[in-house]
PDB file of N, CA and C in Angstrom:
ATOM      1  N   MET A   1     -10.120   9.884 -18.752  1.00  0.00           N
ATOM      2  CA  MET A   1      -9.025   9.375 -17.931  1.00  0.00           C
ATOM      3  C   MET A   1      -9.561   8.970 -16.567  1.00  0.00           C
ATOM      4  N   SER A   2      -9.255   7.768 -16.123  1.00  0.00           N
ATOM      5  CA  SER A   2      -9.726   7.263 -14.845  1.00  0.00           C
ATOM      6  C   SER A   2      -8.848   7.784 -13.711  1.00  0.00           C
ATOM      7  N   THR A   3      -9.495   8.127 -12.596  1.00  0.00           N
ATOM      8  CA  THR A   3      -8.753   8.571 -11.426  1.00  0.00           C
ATOM      9  C   THR A   3      -8.791   7.524 -10.323  1.00  0.00           C
ATOM     10  N   ALA A   4      -9.335   6.336 -10.624  1.00  0.00           N
ATOM     11  CA  ALA A   4      -9.406   5.269  -9.631  1.00  0.00           C
ATOM     12  C   ALA A   4      -8.007   4.775  -9.285  1.00  0.00           C
ATOM     13  N   ALA A   5      -7.784   4.581  -8.000  1.00  0.00           N
ATOM     14  CA  ALA A   5      -6.493   4.083  -7.540  1.00  0.00           C
ATOM     15  C   ALA A   5      -6.338   2.623  -7.950  1.00  0.00           C
ATOM     16  N   VAL A   6      -5.125   2.248  -8.302  1.00  0.00           N
ATOM     17  CA  VAL A   6      -4.804   0.858  -8.611  1.00  0.00           C
ATOM     18  C   VAL A   6      -4.092   0.286  -7.390  1.00  0.00           C
ATOM     19  N   TRP A   7      -4.779  -0.603  -6.692  1.00  0.00           N
ATOM     20  CA  TRP A   7      -4.257  -1.176  -5.458  1.00  0.00           C
ATOM     21  C   TRP A   7      -3.453  -2.430  -5.748  1.00  0.00           C
ATOM     22  N   ARG A   8      -2.338  -2.593  -5.016  1.00  0.00           N
ATOM     23  CA  ARG A   8      -1.470  -3.765  -5.187  1.00  0.00           C
ATOM     24  C   ARG A   8      -1.130  -4.353  -3.827  1.00  0.00           C
ATOM     25  N   LYS A   9      -1.048  -5.685  -3.792  1.00  0.00           N
ATOM     26  CA  LYS A   9      -0.586  -6.401  -2.606  1.00  0.00           C
ATOM     27  C   LYS A   9       0.854  -6.820  -2.816  1.00  0.00           C
ATOM     28  N   SER A  10       1.502  -7.131  -1.753  1.00  0.00           N
ATOM     29  CA  SER A  10       2.868  -7.624  -1.812  1.00  0.00           C
ATOM     30  C   SER A  10       2.918  -8.943  -2.569  1.00  0.00           C
ATOM     31  N   SER A  11       4.015  -9.173  -3.255  1.00  0.00           N
ATOM     32  CA  SER A  11       4.206 -10.455  -3.938  1.00  0.00           C
ATOM     33  C   SER A  11       4.347 -11.592  -2.928  1.00  0.00           C
ATOM     34  N   TYR A  12       4.575 -11.273  -1.656  1.00  0.00           N
ATOM     35  CA  TYR A  12       4.655 -12.290  -0.614  1.00  0.00           C
ATOM     36  C   TYR A  12       3.277 -12.772  -0.187  1.00  0.00           C
ATOM     37  N   SER A  13       2.226 -12.093  -0.586  1.00  0.00           N
ATOM     38  CA  SER A  13       0.867 -12.499  -0.266  1.00  0.00           C
ATOM     39  C   SER A  13       0.441 -13.578  -1.245  1.00  0.00           C
ATOM     40  N   GLY A  14      -0.162 -14.602  -0.733  1.00  0.00           N
ATOM     41  CA  GLY A  14      -0.696 -15.634  -1.610  1.00  0.00           C
ATOM     42  C   GLY A  14      -1.933 -15.127  -2.325  1.00  0.00           C
ATOM     43  N   SER A  15      -2.398 -15.850  -3.308  1.00  0.00           N
ATOM     44  CA  SER A  15      -3.574 -15.410  -4.061  1.00  0.00           C
ATOM     45  C   SER A  15      -4.829 -15.398  -3.195  1.00  0.00           C
ATOM     46  N   ASP A  16      -4.862 -16.206  -2.122  1.00  0.00           N
ATOM     47  CA  ASP A  16      -6.019 -16.262  -1.236  1.00  0.00           C
ATOM     48  C   ASP A  16      -5.883 -15.301  -0.056  1.00  0.00           C
ATOM     49  N   ALA A  17      -4.726 -14.737   0.124  1.00  0.00           N
ATOM     50  CA  ALA A  17      -4.460 -13.934   1.319  1.00  0.00           C
ATOM     51  C   ALA A  17      -5.353 -12.704   1.364  1.00  0.00           C
ATOM     52  N   ASP A  18      -5.981 -12.525   2.526  1.00  0.00           N
ATOM     53  CA  ASP A  18      -6.781 -11.324   2.708  1.00  0.00           C
ATOM     54  C   ASP A  18      -6.329 -10.564   3.950  1.00  0.00           C
ATOM     55  N   SER A  19      -5.201 -10.946   4.496  1.00  0.00           N
ATOM     56  CA  SER A  19      -4.653 -10.262   5.668  1.00  0.00           C
ATOM     57  C   SER A  19      -3.409  -9.500   5.246  1.00  0.00           C
ATOM     58  N   CYS A  20      -3.587  -8.616   4.313  1.00  0.00           N
ATOM     59  CA  CYS A  20      -2.458  -7.926   3.721  1.00  0.00           C
ATOM     60  C   CYS A  20      -2.652  -6.421   3.766  1.00  0.00           C
ATOM     61  N   VAL A  21      -1.558  -5.763   3.598  1.00  0.00           N
ATOM     62  CA  VAL A  21      -1.589  -4.324   3.387  1.00  0.00           C
ATOM     63  C   VAL A  21      -1.505  -4.117   1.885  1.00  0.00           C
ATOM     64  N   GLU A  22      -2.329  -3.230   1.374  1.00  0.00           N
ATOM     65  CA  GLU A  22      -2.303  -2.889  -0.043  1.00  0.00           C
ATOM     66  C   GLU A  22      -1.847  -1.444  -0.181  1.00  0.00           C
ATOM     67  N   ILE A  23      -1.186  -1.162  -1.297  1.00  0.00           N
ATOM     68  CA  ILE A  23      -0.784   0.213  -1.574  1.00  0.00           C
ATOM     69  C   ILE A  23      -1.272   0.632  -2.951  1.00  0.00           C
ATOM     70  N   ALA A  24      -1.454   1.925  -3.096  1.00  0.00           N
ATOM     71  CA  ALA A  24      -1.774   2.527  -4.390  1.00  0.00           C
ATOM     72  C   ALA A  24      -0.895   3.766  -4.520  1.00  0.00           C
ATOM     73  N   VAL A  25      -0.125   3.819  -5.587  1.00  0.00           N
ATOM     74  CA  VAL A  25       0.726   4.980  -5.837  1.00  0.00           C
ATOM     75  C   VAL A  25      -0.101   5.984  -6.636  1.00  0.00           C
ATOM     76  N   CYS A  26      -0.289   7.141  -6.059  1.00  0.00           N
ATOM     77  CA  CYS A  26      -1.095   8.201  -6.657  1.00  0.00           C
ATOM     78  C   CYS A  26      -0.225   9.445  -6.814  1.00  0.00           C
ATOM     79  N   PRO A  27      -0.649  10.378  -7.623  1.00  0.00           N
ATOM     80  CA  PRO A  27       0.127  11.616  -7.735  1.00  0.00           C
ATOM     81  C   PRO A  27       0.269  12.303  -6.371  1.00  0.00           C
ATOM     82  N   GLY A  28       1.493  12.455  -5.922  1.00  0.00           N
ATOM     83  CA  GLY A  28       1.767  13.154  -4.675  1.00  0.00           C
ATOM     84  C   GLY A  28       1.597  12.353  -3.406  1.00  0.00           C
ATOM     85  N   ALA A  29       1.175  11.091  -3.494  1.00  0.00           N
ATOM     86  CA  ALA A  29       0.958  10.302  -2.276  1.00  0.00           C
ATOM     87  C   ALA A  29       1.017   8.805  -2.578  1.00  0.00           C
ATOM     88  N   VAL A  30       1.380   8.057  -1.556  1.00  0.00           N
ATOM     89  CA  VAL A  30       1.235   6.602  -1.578  1.00  0.00           C
ATOM     90  C   VAL A  30       0.147   6.304  -0.556  1.00  0.00           C
ATOM     91  N   ARG A  31      -0.908   5.651  -1.013  1.00  0.00           N
ATOM     92  CA  ARG A  31      -2.042   5.335  -0.146  1.00  0.00           C
ATOM     93  C   ARG A  31      -1.915   3.898   0.324  1.00  0.00           C
ATOM     94  N   ILE A  32      -2.288   3.661   1.581  1.00  0.00           N
ATOM     95  CA  ILE A  32      -2.127   2.358   2.223  1.00  0.00           C
ATOM     96  C   ILE A  32      -3.466   1.988   2.858  1.00  0.00           C
ATOM     97  N   ARG A  33      -3.871   0.724   2.688  1.00  0.00           N
ATOM     98  CA  ARG A  33      -5.115   0.266   3.304  1.00  0.00           C
ATOM     99  C   ARG A  33      -4.998  -1.205   3.699  1.00  0.00           C
ATOM    100  N   ASP A  34      -5.925  -1.661   4.512  1.00  0.00           N
ATOM    101  CA  ASP A  34      -6.019  -3.051   4.946  1.00  0.00           C
ATOM    102  C   ASP A  34      -6.857  -3.804   3.922  1.00  0.00           C
ATOM    103  N   SER A  35      -6.341  -4.895   3.396  1.00  0.00           N
ATOM    104  CA  SER A  35      -7.062  -5.635   2.359  1.00  0.00           C
ATOM    105  C   SER A  35      -8.354  -6.270   2.876  1.00  0.00           C
ATOM    106  N   LYS A  36      -8.472  -6.449   4.188  1.00  0.00           N
ATOM    107  CA  LYS A  36      -9.705  -7.011   4.743  1.00  0.00           C
ATOM    108  C   LYS A  36     -10.818  -5.982   4.820  1.00  0.00           C
ATOM    109  N   ASN A  37     -10.451  -4.696   4.721  1.00  0.00           N
ATOM    110  CA  ASN A  37     -11.440  -3.626   4.863  1.00  0.00           C
ATOM    111  C   ASN A  37     -11.173  -2.571   3.788  1.00  0.00           C
ATOM    112  N   THR A  38     -11.394  -2.946   2.542  1.00  0.00           N
ATOM    113  CA  THR A  38     -11.034  -2.064   1.426  1.00  0.00           C
ATOM    114  C   THR A  38     -11.833  -0.767   1.397  1.00  0.00           C
ATOM    115  N   GLY A  39     -12.989  -0.743   2.035  1.00  0.00           N
ATOM    116  CA  GLY A  39     -13.770   0.478   2.096  1.00  0.00           C
ATOM    117  C   GLY A  39     -13.487   1.301   3.341  1.00  0.00           C
ATOM    118  N   GLY A  40     -12.586   0.797   4.171  1.00  0.00           N
ATOM    119  CA  GLY A  40     -12.276   1.465   5.429  1.00  0.00           C
ATOM    120  C   GLY A  40     -11.261   2.579   5.263  1.00  0.00           C
ATOM    121  N   PRO A  41     -10.686   2.990   6.373  1.00  0.00           N
ATOM    122  CA  PRO A  41      -9.754   4.114   6.337  1.00  0.00           C
ATOM    123  C   PRO A  41      -8.496   3.797   5.543  1.00  0.00           C
ATOM    124  N   GLN A  42      -7.895   4.847   5.052  1.00  0.00           N
ATOM    125  CA  GLN A  42      -6.642   4.745   4.303  1.00  0.00           C
ATOM    126  C   GLN A  42      -5.648   5.730   4.898  1.00  0.00           C
ATOM    127  N   LEU A  43      -4.407   5.370   4.804  1.00  0.00           N
ATOM    128  CA  LEU A  43      -3.321   6.245   5.221  1.00  0.00           C
ATOM    129  C   LEU A  43      -2.650   6.745   3.958  1.00  0.00           C
ATOM    130  N   ALA A  44      -2.356   8.021   3.899  1.00  0.00           N
ATOM    131  CA  ALA A  44      -1.641   8.584   2.754  1.00  0.00           C
ATOM    132  C   ALA A  44      -0.338   9.188   3.250  1.00  0.00           C
ATOM    133  N   VAL A  45       0.762   8.805   2.617  1.00  0.00           N
ATOM    134  CA  VAL A  45       2.077   9.346   2.960  1.00  0.00           C
ATOM    135  C   VAL A  45       2.727   9.886   1.691  1.00  0.00           C
ATOM    136  N   SER A  46       3.677  10.757   1.872  1.00  0.00           N
ATOM    137  CA  SER A  46       4.371  11.307   0.711  1.00  0.00           C
ATOM    138  C   SER A  46       5.247  10.233   0.079  1.00  0.00           C
ATOM    139  N   PRO A  47       5.509  10.332  -1.208  1.00  0.00           N
ATOM    140  CA  PRO A  47       6.411   9.374  -1.847  1.00  0.00           C
ATOM    141  C   PRO A  47       7.789   9.350  -1.163  1.00  0.00           C
ATOM    142  N   ARG A  48       8.229  10.484  -0.689  1.00  0.00           N
ATOM    143  CA  ARG A  48       9.528  10.549  -0.001  1.00  0.00           C
ATOM    144  C   ARG A  48       9.498   9.749   1.312  1.00  0.00           C
ATOM    145  N   ALA A  49       8.426   9.892   2.074  1.00  0.00           N
ATOM    146  CA  ALA A  49       8.284   9.139   3.324  1.00  0.00           C
ATOM    147  C   ALA A  49       8.204   7.642   3.035  1.00  0.00           C
ATOM    148  N   TRP A  50       7.474   7.262   1.992  1.00  0.00           N
ATOM    149  CA  TRP A  50       7.358   5.851   1.612  1.00  0.00           C
ATOM    150  C   TRP A  50       8.728   5.290   1.230  1.00  0.00           C
ATOM    151  N   ALA A  51       9.484   6.036   0.439  1.00  0.00           N
ATOM    152  CA  ALA A  51      10.816   5.593   0.012  1.00  0.00           C
ATOM    153  C   ALA A  51      11.751   5.433   1.211  1.00  0.00           C
ATOM    154  N   ALA A  52      11.601   6.268   2.225  1.00  0.00           N
ATOM    155  CA  ALA A  52      12.428   6.152   3.427  1.00  0.00           C
ATOM    156  C   ALA A  52      12.001   4.953   4.275  1.00  0.00           C
ATOM    157  N   PHE A  53      10.725   4.583   4.235  1.00  0.00           N
ATOM    158  CA  PHE A  53      10.177   3.478   5.019  1.00  0.00           C
ATOM    159  C   PHE A  53      10.569   2.110   4.470  1.00  0.00           C
ATOM    160  N   ILE A  54      10.594   1.959   3.163  1.00  0.00           N
ATOM    161  CA  ILE A  54      10.819   0.665   2.509  1.00  0.00           C
ATOM    162  C   ILE A  54      12.097  -0.044   2.964  1.00  0.00           C
ATOM    163  N   PRO A  55      13.250   0.621   3.092  1.00  0.00           N
ATOM    164  CA  PRO A  55      14.455  -0.093   3.537  1.00  0.00           C
ATOM    165  C   PRO A  55      14.304  -0.717   4.933  1.00  0.00           C
ATOM    166  N   PHE A  56      13.521  -0.081   5.816  1.00  0.00           N
ATOM    167  CA  PHE A  56      13.296  -0.648   7.143  1.00  0.00           C
ATOM    168  C   PHE A  56      12.471  -1.925   7.064  1.00  0.00           C
ATOM    169  N   VAL A  57      11.479  -1.940   6.204  1.00  0.00           N
ATOM    170  CA  VAL A  57      10.661  -3.135   6.013  1.00  0.00           C
ATOM    171  C   VAL A  57      11.506  -4.258   5.403  1.00  0.00           C
ATOM    172  N   ALA A  58      12.281  -3.924   4.399  1.00  0.00           N
ATOM    173  CA  ALA A  58      13.113  -4.928   3.727  1.00  0.00           C
ATOM    174  C   ALA A  58      14.145  -5.533   4.672  1.00  0.00           C
ATOM    175  N   ALA A  59      14.597  -4.750   5.647  1.00  0.00           N
ATOM    176  CA  ALA A  59      15.571  -5.238   6.623  1.00  0.00           C
ATOM    177  C   ALA A  59      14.918  -5.996   7.778  1.00  0.00           C
ATOM    178  N   GLY A  60      13.585  -6.011   7.796  1.00  0.00           N
ATOM    179  CA  GLY A  60      12.865  -6.698   8.852  1.00  0.00           C
ATOM    180  C   GLY A  60      12.797  -5.906  10.146  1.00  0.00           C
ATOM    181  N   ALA A  61      13.025  -4.607  10.050  1.00  0.00           N
ATOM    182  CA  ALA A  61      13.020  -3.756  11.254  1.00  0.00           C
ATOM    183  C   ALA A  61      11.614  -3.473  11.735  1.00  0.00           C
TER     184      ALA A  61
END
């Protein structure tokens, strides 16, 4: 069984876009990274915190 994170970009990102935030949903955490620096730092938040954050992004807040 692979433990590698599966990273996804927003559907609003074009296929060439490299200025995006990527997320990976992992057990117990949602990991966030900059697509321009995939080997760089990552932020991990709880699924609950991520779910609370999404409505603010969708509203443009």
